[in-house]
Amino acid sequence: MNPPLFSIIMPVYNAAETLCDAVGSITAQTCPDWELLLVDDGSTDASAALAERLAAADPRIRLLRQQNAGICAARNRGLDEAKGTYIGFCDDDDLYEPAALAAAAELLGREMQTEAGGLPDLVRTGYTLARQADDGRLVPLPHPAGETCALRPGAGGAAYLAFLQNSGPQFVWNAWYRRDFLRGIRFDGRCTHGLEDFVFNATVFAAKPRAVYTPTVTCRHFERASSTSRAETAGVAARLAALPAWAQAEHAAAAAQTEGRGLAVVWALRKAELITFVMHQLRDSAAGPDFCAAAWGRLRAALRPFANRAAGLDFLRAARHNKKKAAALLLYALHLPGAYAHLPNKEEKLLA
């Protein structure tokens, strides 16, 4: 029996209210060439029994069970078991658009016809994002869609930055990865409350993939009150503990994608990504001064191994690429990160 074109990995943990809809969005795909791996991560509600019934109803669905070990371990279990040519990820409360896999397959076919030829290692697509407000509403958070683009190995730092700019934040639920390319690449277990997507994708880029992006929307992602990525103080503390892993992965990717002096510009912008992330987390969690001081100490410690002599000029390097990131770098260099909280916050207005 030939392996499927797509393996979709869905970690399941206490998701009885949303699991049927999430799985239904996979079984409703117009492209039938897939398998779905449900990885029950020690659920304590009705999720395990529900997953068992869903798997029994469709031979393309496989159920894997494990003791609770977190989303990284669950995704890694799925990676070890997947058989598809390409691997995707869907959270247990997210939804694939009906033509998601068809859109990815079409993009693969177009790439095969290009001058370079061959299968891409990474396919990224558009998505929609909604965050749960305090009153329970799921509020859409708009973002720039970017333009269709490609990244070829050896293309250089400018091409790498352009690909990241167009394809947006590097999540995993709007992407498909060639399974043979992922040999040895796994999710970092140090990321217990978010950041695992960013670390994983930076590790992928460090391996110099051939990548393509289309703004076609394939996934609807929901950030609910129970999400591990929400900016609650305990979650923020866990993400701060994972900053060294993220910084190391981002620097390795920047170094792999650039040559010579180009690294300074690329690293300045990727470092700004970490800085603005911490600024957002501290602002959104309304953390106290002692917590904020400790957070900035953790960030500086995470970035210290990758410092360069001209780091004070990072904000100038970033200015022509992204003014908001340049502002973050300047405030960071001046030891005034708290001032970032006074910059306009579009998300706060939407969620009000």
Protein backbone atom coordinates (compact mmCIF):
# COMPACT_ATOMS: atom_id res chain seq x y z
CA MET A 1 0.00 0.00 0.00
CA ASN A 2 1.43 3.36 -1.01
CA PRO A 3 2.01 5.90 1.77
CA PRO A 4 -0.33 8.91 1.80
CA LEU A 5 0.76 12.27 0.45
CA PHE A 6 -0.03 13.97 3.77
CA SER A 7 0.26 12.93 7.41
CA ILE A 8 -1.58 15.28 9.77
CA ILE A 9 -0.51 15.13 13.42
CA MET A 10 -3.08 16.26 15.98
CA PRO A 11 -2.09 16.20 19.67
CA VAL A 12 -5.19 15.69 21.82
CA TYR A 13 -5.51 16.83 25.41
CA ASN A 14 -8.83 17.44 27.16
CA ALA A 15 -10.46 18.68 23.97
CA ALA A 16 -13.82 16.89 24.08
CA GLU A 17 -15.70 20.07 23.12
CA THR A 18 -13.68 20.83 19.98
CA LEU A 19 -12.18 17.51 18.82
CA CYS A 20 -15.04 16.41 16.56
CA ASP A 21 -15.00 19.67 14.65
CA ALA A 22 -11.22 19.61 14.31
CA VAL A 23 -11.21 16.03 13.01
CA GLY A 24 -14.23 16.75 10.83
CA SER A 25 -12.28 19.50 9.09
CA ILE A 26 -9.72 16.85 8.09
CA THR A 27 -12.19 14.20 6.96
CA ALA A 28 -13.97 16.86 4.86
CA GLN A 29 -10.85 17.57 2.79
CA THR A 30 -11.40 17.62 -0.96
CA CYS A 31 -8.01 15.90 -1.31
CA PRO A 32 -8.45 12.37 0.10
CA ASP A 33 -4.75 11.41 0.14
CA TRP A 34 -4.04 11.76 3.87
CA GLU A 35 -3.70 10.03 7.20
CA LEU A 36 -4.53 11.62 10.55
CA LEU A 37 -2.58 10.71 13.67
CA LEU A 38 -4.48 11.50 16.87
CA VAL A 39 -1.97 11.52 19.73
CA ASP A 40 -3.87 11.35 23.01
CA ASP A 41 -1.57 13.01 25.53
CA GLY A 42 -3.10 11.49 28.67
CA SER A 43 -6.48 13.25 28.49
CA THR A 44 -8.59 13.16 31.65
CA ASP A 45 -11.92 14.09 30.04
CA ALA A 46 -13.92 12.29 27.34
CA SER A 47 -11.33 13.04 24.64
CA ALA A 48 -9.70 9.59 24.69
CA ALA A 49 -12.98 7.72 24.17
CA LEU A 50 -14.06 10.22 21.52
CA ALA A 51 -10.75 9.85 19.67
CA GLU A 52 -11.18 6.07 19.74
CA ARG A 53 -14.62 6.33 18.12
CA LEU A 54 -13.33 8.74 15.47
CA ALA A 55 -10.46 6.40 14.61
CA ALA A 56 -12.81 3.44 14.35
CA ALA A 57 -15.00 5.34 11.88
CA ASP A 58 -12.25 6.08 9.31
CA PRO A 59 -9.32 3.78 8.46
CA ARG A 60 -7.19 6.83 7.60
CA ILE A 61 -7.26 7.88 11.27
CA ARG A 62 -4.78 6.30 13.68
CA LEU A 63 -4.94 6.71 17.45
CA LEU A 64 -1.74 6.83 19.50
CA ARG A 65 -1.80 6.98 23.29
CA GLN A 66 0.77 8.19 25.79
CA GLN A 67 0.99 9.46 29.34
CA ASN A 68 0.74 13.23 29.61
CA ALA A 69 4.06 14.67 28.40
CA GLY A 70 3.10 17.92 26.65
CA ILE A 71 2.57 19.09 23.09
CA CYS A 72 6.21 18.70 22.04
CA ALA A 73 6.33 15.04 23.07
CA ALA A 74 2.94 14.40 21.42
CA ARG A 75 4.03 15.97 18.13
CA ASN A 76 7.33 14.08 18.26
CA ARG A 77 5.44 10.83 18.77
CA GLY A 78 3.44 11.64 15.66
CA LEU A 79 6.61 12.46 13.71
CA ASP A 80 8.04 9.06 14.65
CA GLU A 81 4.88 7.28 13.44
CA ALA A 82 3.97 9.32 10.35
CA LYS A 83 4.13 7.66 6.93
CA GLY A 84 3.17 10.50 4.59
CA THR A 85 5.44 12.27 2.12
CA TYR A 86 4.54 15.55 3.83
CA ILE A 87 3.71 16.19 7.47
CA GLY A 88 1.35 18.85 8.79
CA PHE A 89 0.06 19.77 12.23
CA CYS A 90 -3.44 20.66 13.36
CA ASP A 91 -4.33 21.56 16.94
CA ASP A 92 -7.30 19.83 18.54
CA ASP A 93 -9.34 23.04 18.47
CA ASP A 94 -8.30 24.34 15.03
CA LEU A 95 -9.93 23.89 11.65
CA TYR A 96 -8.52 23.12 8.21
CA GLU A 97 -10.29 24.80 5.31
CA PRO A 98 -11.94 22.14 3.07
CA ALA A 99 -9.42 22.66 0.25
CA ALA A 100 -6.35 23.03 2.47
CA LEU A 101 -4.60 19.86 1.34
CA ALA A 102 -5.69 20.39 -2.26
CA ALA A 103 -4.09 23.85 -2.19
CA ALA A 104 -0.86 22.40 -0.80
CA ALA A 105 -0.89 19.61 -3.38
CA GLU A 106 -1.44 22.12 -6.18
CA LEU A 107 1.51 24.19 -4.97
CA LEU A 108 3.67 21.06 -4.90
CA GLY A 109 2.67 20.31 -8.47
CA ARG A 110 3.54 23.84 -9.63
CA GLU A 111 6.93 23.62 -7.97
CA MET A 112 7.65 20.37 -9.79
CA GLN A 113 7.16 22.25 -13.07
CA THR A 114 9.57 25.09 -12.27
CA GLU A 115 13.06 25.37 -13.69
CA ALA A 116 14.57 24.17 -10.42
CA GLY A 117 12.21 21.17 -10.29
CA GLY A 118 11.91 18.71 -7.42
CA LEU A 119 9.78 18.61 -4.30
CA PRO A 120 10.05 21.52 -1.86
CA ASP A 121 11.04 20.70 1.71
CA LEU A 122 8.64 23.20 3.24
CA VAL A 123 5.27 24.56 2.13
CA ARG A 124 3.81 27.52 4.03
CA THR A 125 0.34 28.97 3.53
CA GLY A 126 -1.98 31.71 4.77
CA TYR A 127 -4.18 31.40 7.85
CA THR A 128 -6.73 33.23 9.97
CA LEU A 129 -6.28 33.84 13.69
CA ALA A 130 -8.90 34.54 16.35
CA ARG A 131 -8.28 35.17 20.04
CA GLN A 132 -10.79 34.63 22.83
CA ALA A 133 -11.65 37.86 24.64
CA ASP A 134 -12.45 38.06 28.34
CA ASP A 135 -16.18 37.89 27.56
CA GLY A 136 -15.74 34.63 25.61
CA ARG A 137 -15.95 36.10 22.10
CA LEU A 138 -13.53 34.80 19.46
CA VAL A 139 -12.21 38.01 17.92
CA PRO A 140 -10.50 37.88 14.50
CA LEU A 141 -6.99 39.35 14.53
CA PRO A 142 -6.12 40.51 10.99
CA HIS A 143 -2.55 40.32 9.74
CA PRO A 144 -0.72 41.02 6.45
CA ALA A 145 -1.10 38.11 4.04
CA GLY A 146 2.23 38.54 2.25
CA GLU A 147 2.97 37.64 -1.36
CA THR A 148 3.64 34.29 -3.03
CA CYS A 149 7.37 33.61 -2.86
CA ALA A 150 10.02 30.91 -2.70
CA LEU A 151 13.32 30.38 -0.88
CA ARG A 152 16.11 28.39 -2.48
CA PRO A 153 19.16 27.04 -0.61
CA GLY A 154 22.03 29.48 -0.90
CA ALA A 155 19.80 32.41 -1.94
CA GLY A 156 21.27 34.62 0.80
CA GLY A 157 20.13 36.71 3.73
CA ALA A 158 17.93 39.14 1.77
CA ALA A 159 15.92 36.27 0.28
CA TYR A 160 15.61 34.65 3.71
CA LEU A 161 14.30 37.88 5.27
CA ALA A 162 11.87 38.36 2.37
CA PHE A 163 10.51 34.85 2.81
CA LEU A 164 10.02 35.37 6.55
CA GLN A 165 8.37 38.75 5.95
CA ASN A 166 5.92 37.34 3.42
CA SER A 167 5.10 34.10 5.22
CA GLY A 168 4.61 35.79 8.62
CA PRO A 169 5.10 34.35 12.13
CA GLN A 170 6.58 30.89 11.89
CA PHE A 171 3.83 28.66 13.24
CA VAL A 172 3.58 24.97 12.29
CA TRP A 173 -0.17 24.61 11.81
CA ASN A 174 -0.15 26.43 8.45
CA ALA A 175 2.78 24.48 7.00
CA TRP A 176 3.71 21.09 5.58
CA TYR A 177 7.17 19.58 5.84
CA ARG A 178 8.73 16.92 3.63
CA ARG A 179 9.13 13.97 5.97
CA ASP A 180 12.50 12.88 4.62
CA PHE A 181 13.84 16.39 5.20
CA LEU A 182 12.86 16.29 8.88
CA ARG A 183 15.15 13.39 9.71
CA GLY A 184 16.49 14.22 13.18
CA ILE A 185 14.51 17.48 13.51
CA ARG A 186 12.11 17.35 16.44
CA PHE A 187 10.27 19.68 18.80
CA ASP A 188 12.32 20.95 21.75
CA GLY A 189 10.91 19.69 25.05
CA ARG A 190 12.17 22.79 26.86
CA CYS A 191 9.24 24.66 25.28
CA THR A 192 6.40 23.77 27.63
CA HIS A 193 4.11 26.79 27.19
CA GLY A 194 4.70 28.08 23.66
CA LEU A 195 7.70 28.96 21.47
CA GLU A 196 7.93 25.35 20.27
CA ASP A 197 6.77 26.37 16.77
CA PHE A 198 9.38 29.12 16.47
CA VAL A 199 12.23 26.90 17.68
CA PHE A 200 11.16 24.06 15.38
CA ASN A 201 10.94 26.26 12.29
CA ALA A 202 14.24 28.01 13.00
CA THR A 203 15.82 24.55 13.19
CA VAL A 204 14.22 23.73 9.84
CA PHE A 205 15.64 26.90 8.25
CA ALA A 206 19.08 26.11 9.68
CA ALA A 207 18.97 22.96 7.54
CA LYS A 208 18.56 25.14 4.40
CA PRO A 209 15.21 23.94 3.04
CA ARG A 210 13.78 24.63 -0.35
CA ALA A 211 10.62 26.47 0.71
CA VAL A 212 7.53 27.97 -0.93
CA TYR A 213 4.76 30.22 0.40
CA THR A 214 1.27 31.07 -0.82
CA PRO A 215 -1.13 33.44 0.96
CA THR A 216 -4.02 31.06 0.24
CA VAL A 217 -5.74 30.51 3.60
CA THR A 218 -5.72 26.85 4.65
CA CYS A 219 -6.16 26.95 8.42
CA ARG A 220 -8.24 28.68 11.06
CA HIS A 221 -6.34 28.95 14.34
CA PHE A 222 -8.03 29.79 17.62
CA GLU A 223 -6.21 31.13 20.67
CA ARG A 224 -8.57 30.25 23.48
CA ALA A 225 -8.40 31.11 27.16
CA SER A 226 -6.85 27.70 27.86
CA SER A 227 -4.12 28.08 25.21
CA THR A 228 -0.52 27.54 26.32
CA SER A 229 0.45 30.65 24.35
CA ARG A 230 -1.75 33.05 26.35
CA ALA A 231 0.11 35.80 28.21
CA GLU A 232 -0.58 34.69 31.78
CA THR A 233 2.29 35.20 34.22
CA ALA A 234 3.00 31.48 34.76
CA GLY A 235 3.00 30.84 31.02
CA VAL A 236 5.20 33.87 30.38
CA ALA A 237 7.70 32.56 32.94
CA ALA A 238 7.83 29.21 31.15
CA ARG A 239 8.39 30.91 27.80
CA LEU A 240 11.17 33.03 29.26
CA ALA A 241 12.88 29.82 30.39
CA ALA A 242 12.81 28.61 26.76
CA LEU A 243 14.42 31.77 25.34
CA PRO A 244 17.94 30.23 25.15
CA ALA A 245 16.61 27.46 22.90
CA TRP A 246 14.88 29.98 20.64
CA ALA A 247 17.89 32.32 20.45
CA GLN A 248 20.23 29.45 19.63
CA ALA A 249 17.93 28.12 16.90
CA GLU A 250 17.38 31.56 15.35
CA HIS A 251 21.09 32.39 15.28
CA ALA A 252 21.89 29.01 13.71
CA ALA A 253 19.28 29.65 11.02
CA ALA A 254 20.56 33.18 10.35
CA ALA A 255 24.13 31.90 10.05
CA ALA A 256 23.08 29.08 7.71
CA GLN A 257 21.07 31.40 5.46
CA THR A 258 23.68 34.16 5.15
CA GLU A 259 27.33 34.63 4.37
CA GLY A 260 29.88 37.10 5.73
CA ARG A 261 28.68 40.57 6.70
CA GLY A 262 25.08 39.81 5.77
CA LEU A 263 24.70 37.93 9.05
CA ALA A 264 24.70 41.19 11.07
CA VAL A 265 21.55 42.49 9.37
CA VAL A 266 19.69 39.18 9.46
CA TRP A 267 20.59 38.53 13.09
CA ALA A 268 19.58 42.06 14.11
CA LEU A 269 16.08 41.49 12.72
CA ARG A 270 15.75 38.01 14.15
CA LYS A 271 16.99 39.26 17.52
CA ALA A 272 14.33 41.98 17.29
CA GLU A 273 11.76 39.19 16.94
CA LEU A 274 12.77 37.85 20.37
CA ILE A 275 12.83 41.31 21.91
CA THR A 276 9.40 42.34 20.61
CA PHE A 277 7.99 38.96 21.69
CA VAL A 278 9.13 39.53 25.28
CA MET A 279 7.84 43.12 25.17
CA HIS A 280 4.42 41.89 24.02
CA GLN A 281 4.31 39.16 26.65
CA LEU A 282 5.16 41.53 29.51
CA ARG A 283 2.72 44.17 28.27
CA ASP A 284 -0.16 41.75 27.77
CA SER A 285 0.36 39.96 31.11
CA ALA A 286 0.60 43.28 33.04
CA ALA A 287 3.58 41.82 34.90
CA GLY A 288 5.00 43.72 37.86
CA PRO A 289 8.37 45.53 37.87
CA ASP A 290 10.30 42.72 39.59
CA PHE A 291 9.02 40.15 37.12
CA CYS A 292 9.85 42.45 34.20
CA ALA A 293 13.37 43.06 35.49
CA ALA A 294 13.97 39.33 35.79
CA ALA A 295 12.52 38.80 32.29
CA TRP A 296 14.96 41.25 30.71
CA GLY A 297 17.80 39.61 32.57
CA ARG A 298 16.78 36.26 31.09
CA LEU A 299 16.56 37.70 27.59
CA ARG A 300 19.98 39.36 27.80
CA ALA A 301 21.47 36.10 29.07
CA ALA A 302 19.87 34.21 26.16
CA LEU A 303 21.26 36.68 23.59
CA ARG A 304 24.70 37.14 25.16
CA PRO A 305 26.39 34.16 23.41
CA PHE A 306 25.54 35.73 20.05
CA ALA A 307 26.54 39.33 20.77
CA ASN A 308 28.69 41.24 18.31
CA ARG A 309 30.86 44.30 18.79
CA ALA A 310 28.54 46.56 16.80
CA ALA A 311 25.31 45.39 18.46
CA GLY A 312 24.51 48.99 19.40
CA LEU A 313 23.87 49.68 15.71
CA ASP A 314 21.30 46.90 15.35
CA PHE A 315 18.39 49.36 15.32
CA LEU A 316 19.94 51.16 12.33
CA ARG A 317 20.31 47.86 10.47
CA ALA A 318 16.66 47.07 11.10
CA ALA A 319 15.27 50.53 10.34
CA ARG A 320 14.92 50.10 6.58
CA HIS A 321 13.27 46.69 7.01
CA ASN A 322 10.84 47.13 9.90
CA LYS A 323 10.40 50.36 11.87
CA LYS A 324 8.60 48.72 14.79
CA LYS A 325 11.40 46.19 15.24
CA ALA A 326 13.95 49.00 14.92
CA ALA A 327 12.16 50.85 17.73
CA ALA A 328 12.24 47.72 19.88
CA LEU A 329 15.97 47.29 19.29
CA LEU A 330 16.61 50.94 20.18
CA LEU A 331 14.61 50.72 23.42
CA TYR A 332 16.40 47.47 24.27
CA ALA A 333 19.82 49.05 23.63
CA LEU A 334 18.88 52.07 25.79
CA HIS A 335 17.60 49.80 28.59
CA LEU A 336 14.12 51.32 28.22
CA PRO A 337 12.05 48.26 27.19
CA GLY A 338 9.12 49.34 29.36
CA ALA A 339 8.47 52.23 26.98
CA TYR A 340 7.27 49.67 24.39
CA ALA A 341 4.04 49.33 26.35
CA HIS A 342 3.14 52.89 25.35
CA LEU A 343 3.29 52.17 21.60
CA PRO A 344 -0.06 51.65 19.79
CA ASN A 345 -1.58 48.21 20.42
CA LYS A 346 -4.04 47.19 17.66
CA GLU A 347 -4.90 43.84 19.27
CA GLU A 348 -5.90 45.49 22.55
CA LYS A 349 -8.38 47.71 20.69
CA LEU A 350 -9.89 44.74 18.83
CA LEU A 351 -10.33 42.70 22.02
CA ALA A 352 -11.88 45.56 24.02
